[in-house]
Amino acid sequence: MKMSDEQKLHECIEKYRGKWEIKTDWGYIKV
């Protein structure tokens, strides 16, 4: 189950790579 969820998350990250920006203490990071 956990493996499946991680795979889904990885697919989402690959699909939206470069379109999301995550705010961190070091500034904004594109994913």
N, C-alpha and C. Protein backbone atom coordinates (compact mmCIF):
# COMPACT_ATOMS: atom_id res chain seq x y z
N MET A 1 0.85 -1.20 0.00
CA MET A 1 0.00 0.00 0.00
C MET A 1 0.88 1.25 0.00
N LYS A 2 1.84 1.28 0.92
CA LYS A 2 2.73 2.44 0.98
C LYS A 2 3.51 2.59 -0.33
N MET A 3 3.96 1.48 -0.88
CA MET A 3 4.72 1.52 -2.12
C MET A 3 3.85 2.11 -3.23
N SER A 4 2.59 1.69 -3.27
CA SER A 4 1.68 2.19 -4.29
C SER A 4 1.49 3.70 -4.15
N ASP A 5 1.28 4.15 -2.91
CA ASP A 5 1.10 5.58 -2.67
C ASP A 5 2.33 6.36 -3.09
N GLU A 6 3.50 5.82 -2.80
CA GLU A 6 4.74 6.53 -3.17
C GLU A 6 4.87 6.59 -4.68
N GLN A 7 4.46 5.52 -5.36
CA GLN A 7 4.53 5.53 -6.82
C GLN A 7 3.58 6.57 -7.39
N LYS A 8 2.38 6.67 -6.81
CA LYS A 8 1.41 7.67 -7.27
C LYS A 8 1.96 9.07 -7.06
N LEU A 9 2.55 9.29 -5.89
CA LEU A 9 3.12 10.60 -5.59
C LEU A 9 4.23 10.93 -6.57
N HIS A 10 5.08 9.94 -6.85
CA HIS A 10 6.18 10.15 -7.80
C HIS A 10 5.63 10.51 -9.17
N GLU A 11 4.55 9.84 -9.58
CA GLU A 11 3.97 10.14 -10.88
C GLU A 11 3.42 11.56 -10.91
N CYS A 12 2.81 11.98 -9.81
CA CYS A 12 2.28 13.35 -9.73
C CYS A 12 3.41 14.35 -9.84
N ILE A 13 4.51 14.07 -9.13
CA ILE A 13 5.66 14.98 -9.16
C ILE A 13 6.22 15.06 -10.58
N GLU A 14 6.33 13.92 -11.24
CA GLU A 14 6.85 13.92 -12.61
C GLU A 14 5.91 14.69 -13.53
N LYS A 15 4.60 14.51 -13.33
CA LYS A 15 3.60 15.12 -14.20
C LYS A 15 3.62 16.63 -14.07
N TYR A 16 3.79 17.11 -12.85
CA TYR A 16 3.69 18.56 -12.62
C TYR A 16 5.05 19.21 -12.37
N ARG A 17 6.13 18.48 -12.68
CA ARG A 17 7.47 19.03 -12.45
C ARG A 17 7.62 20.36 -13.18
N GLY A 18 8.13 21.35 -12.44
CA GLY A 18 8.37 22.66 -13.05
C GLY A 18 7.16 23.58 -12.97
N LYS A 19 6.02 23.03 -12.55
CA LYS A 19 4.81 23.87 -12.48
C LYS A 19 4.50 24.27 -11.05
N TRP A 20 5.08 23.55 -10.09
CA TRP A 20 4.81 23.85 -8.69
C TRP A 20 6.00 24.54 -8.05
N GLU A 21 5.72 25.40 -7.10
CA GLU A 21 6.80 26.02 -6.33
C GLU A 21 6.48 25.81 -4.85
N ILE A 22 7.43 25.27 -4.14
CA ILE A 22 7.25 25.02 -2.72
C ILE A 22 8.01 26.07 -1.92
N LYS A 23 7.31 26.73 -1.00
CA LYS A 23 7.96 27.76 -0.19
C LYS A 23 8.72 27.08 0.95
N THR A 24 9.99 27.40 1.07
CA THR A 24 10.82 26.84 2.13
C THR A 24 11.55 27.98 2.84
N ASP A 25 12.29 27.62 3.88
CA ASP A 25 13.06 28.63 4.61
C ASP A 25 14.15 29.23 3.72
N TRP A 26 14.48 28.52 2.63
CA TRP A 26 15.55 28.99 1.76
C TRP A 26 14.99 29.70 0.52
N GLY A 27 13.66 29.84 0.49
CA GLY A 27 13.06 30.49 -0.68
C GLY A 27 12.13 29.53 -1.40
N TYR A 28 11.83 29.85 -2.64
CA TYR A 28 10.92 29.00 -3.41
C TYR A 28 11.70 27.98 -4.22
N ILE A 29 11.23 26.74 -4.17
CA ILE A 29 11.89 25.67 -4.92
C ILE A 29 10.89 25.12 -5.92
N LYS A 30 11.30 25.03 -7.17
CA LYS A 30 10.44 24.43 -8.19
C LYS A 30 10.58 22.92 -8.14
N VAL A 31 9.45 22.24 -8.29
CA VAL A 31 9.46 20.78 -8.25
C VAL A 31 8.94 20.22 -9.56
